[in-house]
Each structure stands twice: as structure tokens, then as C-alpha cells.
Amino acid sequence: MALIHLLAHTDSTAQTEVAKASDGMILEKATLSASTTVLEYSNKTTDPTSLVTSSDNAVKVTTNDKIDLTKVGACSINYTLTKGTASKQEKVDYSVRDTKAPTLTLSRDSVAIDQGGAFDPKSLATATDPVDGDLPYVTAEPATDKTDPGNQQFYEKGWWTVAGSYDVNTPNVYFLDVVACDINGNRVSKEVSLTVNEPPKPEPEETYVEPERQTQAYMVNTNTGKFHRTTCKDINKMSDSNKWLADEYTRDELISMGYSPCKHCNP
């Protein structure tokens, strides 16, 4: 009985060693391939094992490492390939890159104000980034030196601004660039026009113009109180002492003075 047990144990051990050798050979031939080694900057999470596949489906791939997609740059993941009791390590190098510009939304693409009126550049747009969130407005593009403490707040989230010169006191059409930039330098810009209108011209004041006096020469008979046209035939019947040539008065003025028009010539 002891001999049978010994033979059984020896056979089991041999089978185990054969299995280990077989697993080792399978694992040695297995290779790991990555679907991509370039990952997009985001605030999402990803399982590193979903990025790789083994050439042998019988080989299990695991890792305890993580990929932080919110940090641009290189990172390495150490994978463990396992087949039975055999295992080996493989490393894959990844690169996290930010290739997407922020989203710039204009409130309007043209603005018109009167000369000397108010213009607020900050009201033109909003800018957001999928990871950085809402980008702050700055009055001018920050310096590119990230070591400048005065600019650090903008490089933590990015920024947006309105570039271009204009003068609200000078009528003209000004073309401005609204620019947004994320923390990693991706930029987007859109054009906006600013029209400064001339002030409306005042309406001219109405002035009264006295109508011109329409004078005409009339022959007045001072005896009868009648006035005639100078061509009237009745003048020949008048005595020279009764004739008065009224050439500085209008018809209405003569009537207001008490004279009446001749019924023959109807002056």
C-alpha cells in the first residue's frame, strides 16, 4: 500500500511540474499590446487593463497602477501577466495630452453704442473647459511665464479676454478678437464687431420769415377816395390836383387807410 501511495504522489508531482512548465512556456510566448498609448486629458476615469490585450486569451492581465487623466504628461503602468502559477511583468508607457480647446460662447457677435456710451467687454462671452471648468475673464492676455506669481491664478484654470483696440469716443467700426485659452495652452478665438455711432444731429430750429411786402404803384383819387391801377382809363378823368401816386403801399394797406378799390379796373 505504501508503494502505491508513493507512486501516486510521484505521479501527481510530475503532473504539476509538467503543468508549471506548460504555463511558463505559454506565458513566455504571450505578448501584451496596447490599443493606444496616447490618452486625452479629461476628468474621467479609465481602467488600465481595458487599454491592453494579451496575445493569448488564456493569460490573465492585471495591474494595481492607476492613470490620472487630469495630469498632462507621461505615465507608466506595470502589468502582471498570469497563467496558472506562472507570472511575469510588462510595462507600458502612456502619454496624457490635452488637444481640445475650451468652449467659447458669444452672447452676440456685434455691438452698437452711441459715441461716449458704455461698453463692457466682459459681457461678450463665456468660456468653459471640460476639465478646468469656467475660465475667468482677464483684461489682457497673461504673460506666458508660468513662474510669475501674478499669473498663477490664470494658469490654474486658463482664461479668456477681448483683444483689439477701440475708442468709445471716436465713431468707427472696431473688430475685436474674443480669445479663450485653457491651462495647457489650447486656444480658440471668435471675432466681434463694435460700432460706435455718431450722435444724432439736432433738428434745425424753425424760424419765422416775414413774408415780403408785395407793393405796387396805384393811382389814388384823393377827392373820391378810390385807388386805381395806373392803366385804368378813369385816371384821365381825374384832376391833376387830386392824383396821388401811391407806390410804397400794398393793396391791403391802402384799404386799411380808408381807400377803396376802383370797380372798373379792380386793383
Protein backbone atom coordinates (compact mmCIF):
# COMPACT_ATOMS: atom_id res chain seq x y z
CA MET A 1 0.00 0.00 0.00
CA ALA A 2 2.83 2.36 0.84
CA LEU A 3 4.40 1.76 -2.53
CA ILE A 4 1.14 2.52 -4.35
CA HIS A 5 0.74 5.78 -2.40
CA LEU A 6 4.29 6.77 -3.19
CA LEU A 7 3.79 6.08 -6.88
CA ALA A 8 0.54 8.12 -6.89
CA HIS A 9 2.25 11.04 -5.14
CA THR A 10 5.16 10.93 -7.54
CA ASP A 11 2.79 10.91 -10.50
CA SER A 12 0.85 13.92 -9.13
CA THR A 13 4.03 15.90 -8.56
CA ALA A 14 5.20 15.13 -12.06
CA GLN A 15 1.91 16.30 -13.49
CA THR A 16 2.16 19.51 -11.51
CA GLU A 17 5.67 20.17 -12.76
CA VAL A 18 4.54 19.50 -16.32
CA ALA A 19 1.67 21.94 -15.87
CA LYS A 20 4.02 24.60 -14.48
CA ALA A 21 6.38 24.09 -17.39
CA SER A 22 3.49 24.36 -19.83
CA ASP A 23 2.16 27.55 -18.18
CA GLY A 24 5.65 29.02 -18.25
CA MET A 25 6.04 28.29 -21.94
CA ILE A 26 2.64 29.80 -22.74
CA LEU A 27 3.42 32.89 -20.66
CA GLU A 28 6.85 33.27 -22.21
CA LYS A 29 5.33 33.44 -25.68
CA ALA A 30 2.47 35.75 -24.65
CA THR A 31 2.81 39.41 -25.62
CA LEU A 32 0.95 42.49 -24.45
CA SER A 33 -0.31 45.10 -26.94
CA ALA A 34 -1.94 48.47 -26.19
CA SER A 35 -4.87 49.77 -28.25
CA THR A 36 -3.42 53.27 -27.78
CA THR A 37 -0.66 54.90 -25.77
CA VAL A 38 -1.95 58.46 -26.18
CA LEU A 39 -4.82 59.44 -23.88
CA GLU A 40 -6.92 62.59 -23.89
CA TYR A 41 -6.84 64.95 -20.94
CA SER A 42 -10.15 64.69 -19.04
CA ASN A 43 -11.73 64.27 -15.63
CA LYS A 44 -12.92 60.76 -16.47
CA THR A 45 -11.51 57.53 -15.05
CA THR A 46 -10.18 54.65 -17.08
CA ASP A 47 -9.28 51.05 -16.31
CA PRO A 48 -5.69 50.46 -17.49
CA THR A 49 -6.48 46.82 -18.26
CA SER A 50 -9.08 47.96 -20.82
CA LEU A 51 -6.28 49.53 -22.85
CA VAL A 52 -4.29 46.31 -23.40
CA THR A 53 -4.85 42.80 -24.68
CA SER A 54 -2.79 39.63 -24.41
CA SER A 55 -1.87 37.63 -27.48
CA ASP A 56 -3.09 34.55 -25.59
CA ASN A 57 -6.62 34.70 -24.21
CA ALA A 58 -5.67 32.18 -21.53
CA VAL A 59 -3.28 34.72 -19.98
CA LYS A 60 -4.83 36.99 -17.34
CA VAL A 61 -3.73 40.66 -17.24
CA THR A 62 -3.96 42.69 -14.02
CA THR A 63 -2.46 45.86 -12.53
CA ASN A 64 -2.64 47.90 -9.34
CA ASP A 65 -1.49 51.11 -11.05
CA LYS A 66 -3.81 53.99 -11.97
CA ILE A 67 -3.85 56.53 -14.80
CA ASP A 68 -4.67 60.13 -13.80
CA LEU A 69 -6.14 61.76 -16.91
CA THR A 70 -6.26 65.18 -15.22
CA LYS A 71 -2.45 65.41 -15.37
CA VAL A 72 -0.82 66.04 -18.72
CA GLY A 73 2.44 64.16 -19.31
CA ALA A 74 3.97 60.70 -19.38
CA CYS A 75 2.97 57.86 -17.09
CA SER A 76 3.88 54.15 -16.90
CA ILE A 77 1.65 51.22 -15.96
CA ASN A 78 3.13 47.93 -14.71
CA TYR A 79 1.01 44.99 -15.79
CA THR A 80 1.11 41.44 -14.40
CA LEU A 81 0.52 38.60 -16.84
CA THR A 82 -0.58 35.38 -15.15
CA LYS A 83 -1.09 31.83 -16.43
CA GLY A 84 -1.71 29.28 -13.72
CA THR A 85 1.10 29.65 -11.19
CA ALA A 86 3.41 31.41 -13.64
CA SER A 87 3.55 35.19 -13.94
CA LYS A 88 5.65 37.96 -15.46
CA GLN A 89 5.72 41.79 -15.52
CA GLU A 90 5.38 44.10 -18.52
CA LYS A 91 5.41 47.90 -18.58
CA VAL A 92 3.51 50.16 -20.98
CA ASP A 93 4.29 53.86 -21.29
CA TYR A 94 1.39 56.22 -21.86
CA SER A 95 1.12 59.92 -22.63
CA VAL A 96 -1.75 62.13 -21.47
CA ARG A 97 -2.29 65.06 -23.84
CA ASP A 98 -4.73 67.96 -23.97
CA THR A 99 -5.68 68.53 -27.61
CA LYS A 100 -9.11 70.15 -27.17
CA ALA A 101 -9.61 73.89 -26.99
CA PRO A 102 -12.07 75.34 -24.47
CA THR A 103 -15.64 76.14 -25.47
CA LEU A 104 -16.15 79.85 -26.22
CA THR A 105 -19.77 81.05 -26.35
CA LEU A 106 -20.53 84.57 -27.60
CA SER A 107 -23.52 86.44 -26.22
CA ARG A 108 -23.62 88.35 -29.55
CA ASP A 109 -21.25 88.89 -32.46
CA SER A 110 -21.90 92.61 -32.94
CA VAL A 111 -22.39 95.51 -30.56
CA ALA A 112 -23.51 99.09 -31.31
CA ILE A 113 -23.26 102.03 -28.91
CA ASP A 114 -23.56 105.79 -29.20
CA GLN A 115 -20.44 107.90 -29.06
CA GLY A 116 -19.27 108.14 -25.46
CA GLY A 117 -21.54 105.26 -24.39
CA ALA A 118 -20.66 102.37 -22.08
CA PHE A 119 -19.10 99.14 -23.37
CA ASP A 120 -18.36 96.14 -21.13
CA PRO A 121 -16.09 93.55 -22.84
CA LYS A 122 -16.86 91.04 -20.08
CA SER A 123 -20.47 90.83 -21.30
CA LEU A 124 -19.46 89.50 -24.72
CA ALA A 125 -18.84 85.83 -23.90
CA THR A 126 -18.33 82.94 -21.51
CA ALA A 127 -15.63 80.28 -21.73
CA THR A 128 -15.52 76.78 -20.22
CA ASP A 129 -13.21 73.79 -20.32
CA PRO A 130 -14.32 70.15 -19.75
CA VAL A 131 -11.71 69.75 -17.00
CA ASP A 132 -10.83 73.28 -15.90
CA GLY A 133 -14.44 74.44 -15.66
CA ASP A 134 -15.44 78.10 -16.13
CA LEU A 135 -12.49 80.21 -17.29
CA PRO A 136 -12.08 83.68 -15.73
CA TYR A 137 -12.12 86.91 -17.74
CA VAL A 138 -8.87 88.90 -17.76
CA THR A 139 -8.39 92.41 -19.09
CA ALA A 140 -5.30 91.36 -21.08
CA GLU A 141 -3.65 88.11 -22.08
CA PRO A 142 -1.40 86.90 -19.22
CA ALA A 143 2.31 86.52 -19.72
CA THR A 144 3.40 83.06 -20.83
CA ASP A 145 5.80 82.68 -17.90
CA LYS A 146 4.02 80.30 -15.53
CA THR A 147 6.54 81.09 -12.80
CA ASP A 148 5.15 84.60 -12.50
CA PRO A 149 3.11 84.57 -9.24
CA GLY A 150 0.80 87.24 -10.63
CA ASN A 151 -0.29 84.90 -13.42
CA GLN A 152 -0.59 81.70 -11.45
CA GLN A 153 -4.33 82.04 -10.85
CA PHE A 154 -4.94 82.15 -14.59
CA TYR A 155 -2.79 79.12 -15.33
CA GLU A 156 -4.66 77.10 -12.75
CA LYS A 157 -7.83 77.30 -14.85
CA GLY A 158 -6.99 79.13 -18.08
CA TRP A 159 -8.52 82.48 -19.07
CA TRP A 160 -10.39 84.46 -21.72
CA THR A 161 -10.07 88.06 -22.87
CA VAL A 162 -11.01 90.57 -25.59
CA ALA A 163 -8.10 91.66 -27.77
CA GLY A 164 -8.03 94.70 -30.03
CA SER A 165 -8.15 98.47 -29.63
CA TYR A 166 -11.23 100.66 -29.65
CA ASP A 167 -12.32 104.14 -28.53
CA VAL A 168 -15.90 104.69 -27.41
CA ASN A 169 -15.42 108.43 -28.02
CA THR A 170 -14.46 108.04 -31.69
CA PRO A 171 -17.19 106.92 -34.13
CA ASN A 172 -15.97 103.92 -36.13
CA VAL A 173 -16.39 100.17 -36.59
CA TYR A 174 -13.88 98.21 -34.50
CA PHE A 175 -13.18 94.49 -34.97
CA LEU A 176 -12.22 92.68 -31.75
CA ASP A 177 -10.99 89.12 -31.09
CA VAL A 178 -12.50 87.21 -28.18
CA VAL A 179 -9.82 84.68 -27.16
CA ALA A 180 -10.03 81.75 -24.71
CA CYS A 181 -7.09 79.63 -23.59
CA ASP A 182 -7.06 76.60 -21.28
CA ILE A 183 -4.42 75.64 -18.74
CA ASN A 184 -2.49 73.64 -21.34
CA GLY A 185 -2.34 76.38 -23.98
CA ASN A 186 -5.18 75.31 -26.29
CA ARG A 187 -6.74 78.42 -27.77
CA VAL A 188 -9.91 79.40 -29.60
CA SER A 189 -10.96 82.83 -30.87
CA LYS A 190 -14.01 84.47 -32.42
CA GLU A 191 -14.49 87.93 -33.94
CA VAL A 192 -16.89 90.58 -32.63
CA SER A 193 -17.60 93.98 -34.17
CA LEU A 194 -18.08 97.12 -32.08
CA THR A 195 -19.80 100.03 -33.81
CA VAL A 196 -19.53 103.46 -32.19
CA ASN A 197 -22.24 105.63 -33.76
CA GLU A 198 -22.08 109.37 -34.27
CA PRO A 199 -24.50 111.29 -32.07
CA PRO A 200 -27.78 112.19 -33.81
CA LYS A 201 -27.79 115.67 -35.33
CA PRO A 202 -30.22 118.09 -33.67
CA GLU A 203 -33.29 119.08 -35.62
CA PRO A 204 -32.93 122.61 -37.07
CA GLU A 205 -34.99 125.22 -35.26
CA GLU A 206 -37.85 126.68 -37.25
CA THR A 207 -37.53 130.42 -37.75
CA TYR A 208 -40.33 132.75 -38.75
CA VAL A 209 -39.72 134.55 -42.02
CA GLU A 210 -41.91 137.58 -42.51
CA PRO A 211 -43.48 137.46 -45.95
CA GLU A 212 -42.19 140.05 -48.36
CA ARG A 213 -44.46 143.08 -48.85
CA GLN A 214 -45.91 142.97 -52.32
CA THR A 215 -46.11 146.68 -53.18
CA GLN A 216 -47.47 148.03 -56.47
CA ALA A 217 -48.00 151.51 -57.87
CA TYR A 218 -51.60 152.64 -57.55
CA MET A 219 -53.17 155.99 -58.51
CA VAL A 220 -55.29 157.33 -55.70
CA ASN A 221 -58.04 159.89 -56.24
CA THR A 222 -57.80 161.91 -53.08
CA ASN A 223 -61.14 163.51 -53.83
CA THR A 224 -63.21 160.34 -54.24
CA GLY A 225 -61.10 158.04 -52.04
CA LYS A 226 -60.75 155.47 -54.83
CA PHE A 227 -57.46 153.86 -55.93
CA HIS A 228 -56.85 152.60 -59.44
CA ARG A 229 -54.41 150.64 -61.49
CA THR A 230 -52.07 153.02 -63.30
CA THR A 231 -53.56 151.76 -66.56
CA CYS A 232 -57.15 152.47 -65.56
CA LYS A 233 -58.99 154.77 -68.09
CA ASP A 234 -60.71 156.62 -65.24
CA ILE A 235 -57.39 158.31 -64.35
CA ASN A 236 -57.80 160.57 -67.42
CA LYS A 237 -60.98 161.98 -65.90
CA MET A 238 -59.23 162.93 -62.63
CA SER A 239 -57.95 166.42 -61.88
CA ASP A 240 -54.17 166.50 -61.50
CA SER A 241 -54.59 168.08 -58.07
CA ASN A 242 -56.49 165.02 -56.89
CA LYS A 243 -53.95 162.48 -58.15
CA TRP A 244 -51.61 160.71 -55.69
CA LEU A 245 -49.23 158.02 -56.96
CA ALA A 246 -49.10 155.55 -54.06
CA ASP A 247 -46.16 153.27 -54.93
CA GLU A 248 -44.99 152.32 -51.42
CA TYR A 249 -48.11 150.59 -50.13
CA THR A 250 -49.81 147.29 -50.68
CA ARG A 251 -53.45 146.91 -51.71
CA ASP A 252 -54.41 145.83 -48.18
CA GLU A 253 -52.56 148.75 -46.64
CA LEU A 254 -54.44 151.24 -48.84
CA ILE A 255 -57.74 149.66 -47.88
CA SER A 256 -56.79 149.82 -44.20
CA MET A 257 -56.07 153.53 -44.70
CA GLY A 258 -59.67 154.03 -45.80
CA TYR A 259 -59.34 153.93 -49.59
CA SER A 260 -61.48 151.62 -51.72
CA PRO A 261 -60.56 149.84 -54.96
CA CYS A 262 -61.94 151.01 -58.30
CA LYS A 263 -64.76 148.81 -59.57
CA HIS A 264 -63.70 149.27 -63.17
CA CYS A 265 -60.04 148.12 -63.04
CA ASN A 266 -60.45 146.11 -59.82
CA PRO A 267 -56.92 146.70 -58.46
